[in-house]
Protein backbone atom coordinates (compact mmCIF):
# COMPACT_ATOMS: atom_id res chain seq x y z
CA GLY A 1 22.41 94.64 90.27
CA ALA A 2 26.11 93.92 90.78
CA THR A 3 27.23 97.51 91.30
CA ARG A 4 24.44 98.24 93.78
CA GLU A 5 25.54 95.23 95.82
CA ASP A 6 29.16 96.38 95.85
CA PRO A 7 29.88 98.50 98.93
CA TRP A 8 33.24 99.56 97.49
CA HIS A 9 31.54 100.95 94.40
CA GLU A 10 29.21 102.95 96.64
CA LEU A 11 32.28 104.68 98.09
CA GLY A 12 33.88 105.12 94.67
CA LEU A 13 36.58 102.56 95.43
CA THR A 14 37.82 99.21 94.22
CA ARG A 15 38.02 96.10 96.38
CA ASP A 16 41.76 96.42 96.81
CA ALA A 17 41.46 99.84 98.48
CA SER A 18 43.29 99.95 101.81
CA ASP A 19 41.44 100.44 105.09
CA ALA A 20 42.80 103.99 105.20
CA GLU A 21 41.46 104.70 101.71
CA VAL A 22 38.07 103.32 102.72
CA ASP A 23 37.98 105.56 105.82
CA LEU A 24 39.07 108.58 103.79
CA ALA A 25 36.55 108.06 101.01
CA TRP A 26 33.72 107.49 103.48
CA ARG A 27 34.62 110.62 105.46
CA ARG A 28 34.87 112.76 102.34
CA LEU A 29 31.53 111.56 100.98
CA ILE A 30 29.68 111.63 104.28
CA SER A 31 30.79 115.21 104.91
CA GLN A 32 28.97 116.24 101.73
CA CYS A 33 25.73 114.84 103.21
CA HIS A 34 26.15 116.53 106.57
CA PRO A 35 23.12 118.57 107.73
CA ASP A 36 25.40 121.53 108.51
CA LYS A 37 26.35 121.62 104.82
CA LEU A 38 22.68 121.69 103.87
CA VAL A 39 21.42 124.56 106.02
CA ASP A 40 20.02 126.42 102.99
CA ALA A 41 19.01 123.29 101.09
CA THR A 42 15.45 122.41 100.15
CA PRO A 43 13.66 119.70 102.16
CA GLU A 44 14.00 117.41 99.12
CA ALA A 45 17.75 117.99 98.96
CA ARG A 46 18.04 117.28 102.67
CA ALA A 47 16.03 114.07 102.34
CA GLN A 48 18.21 113.01 99.43
CA ALA A 49 21.35 113.71 101.48
CA GLU A 50 19.96 111.60 104.33
CA ARG A 51 19.34 108.69 101.97
CA GLN A 52 22.83 109.07 100.56
CA ALA A 53 24.29 109.12 104.08
CA ARG A 54 22.42 105.92 104.96
CA ARG A 55 23.77 104.22 101.84
CA LEU A 56 27.31 105.35 102.60
CA ASN A 57 27.08 104.18 106.20
CA ALA A 58 25.67 100.83 105.11
CA ALA A 59 28.46 100.38 102.55
CA TYR A 60 31.09 101.36 105.10
CA ASP A 61 29.71 98.96 107.70
CA ARG A 62 29.59 96.16 105.16
CA ILE A 63 33.20 96.65 104.12
CA LYS A 64 34.24 96.62 107.78
CA ARG A 65 32.27 93.41 108.41
CA LEU A 66 33.58 91.67 105.30
CA ARG A 67 37.17 92.58 106.22
CA LYS A 68 36.77 91.39 109.81
CA ARG A 69 35.59 88.00 108.60
CA LYS A 70 38.69 87.60 106.47
CA GLY A 71 40.85 88.10 109.57
């Protein structure tokens, strides 16, 4: 349960990652899920990439929200 609830873990980072590292990791991972990268992929692979992209976006948004709250 703990790792799934950890948005940093989703991006392959630790909680002390800088904002720049968070942005970089998110961009790198999200680019792998991009539909243009999956032109020849099976429908299943595309669906999986979409789910992955949603998870990455959710993790990214959560990190941004948590950091805003801290000031």
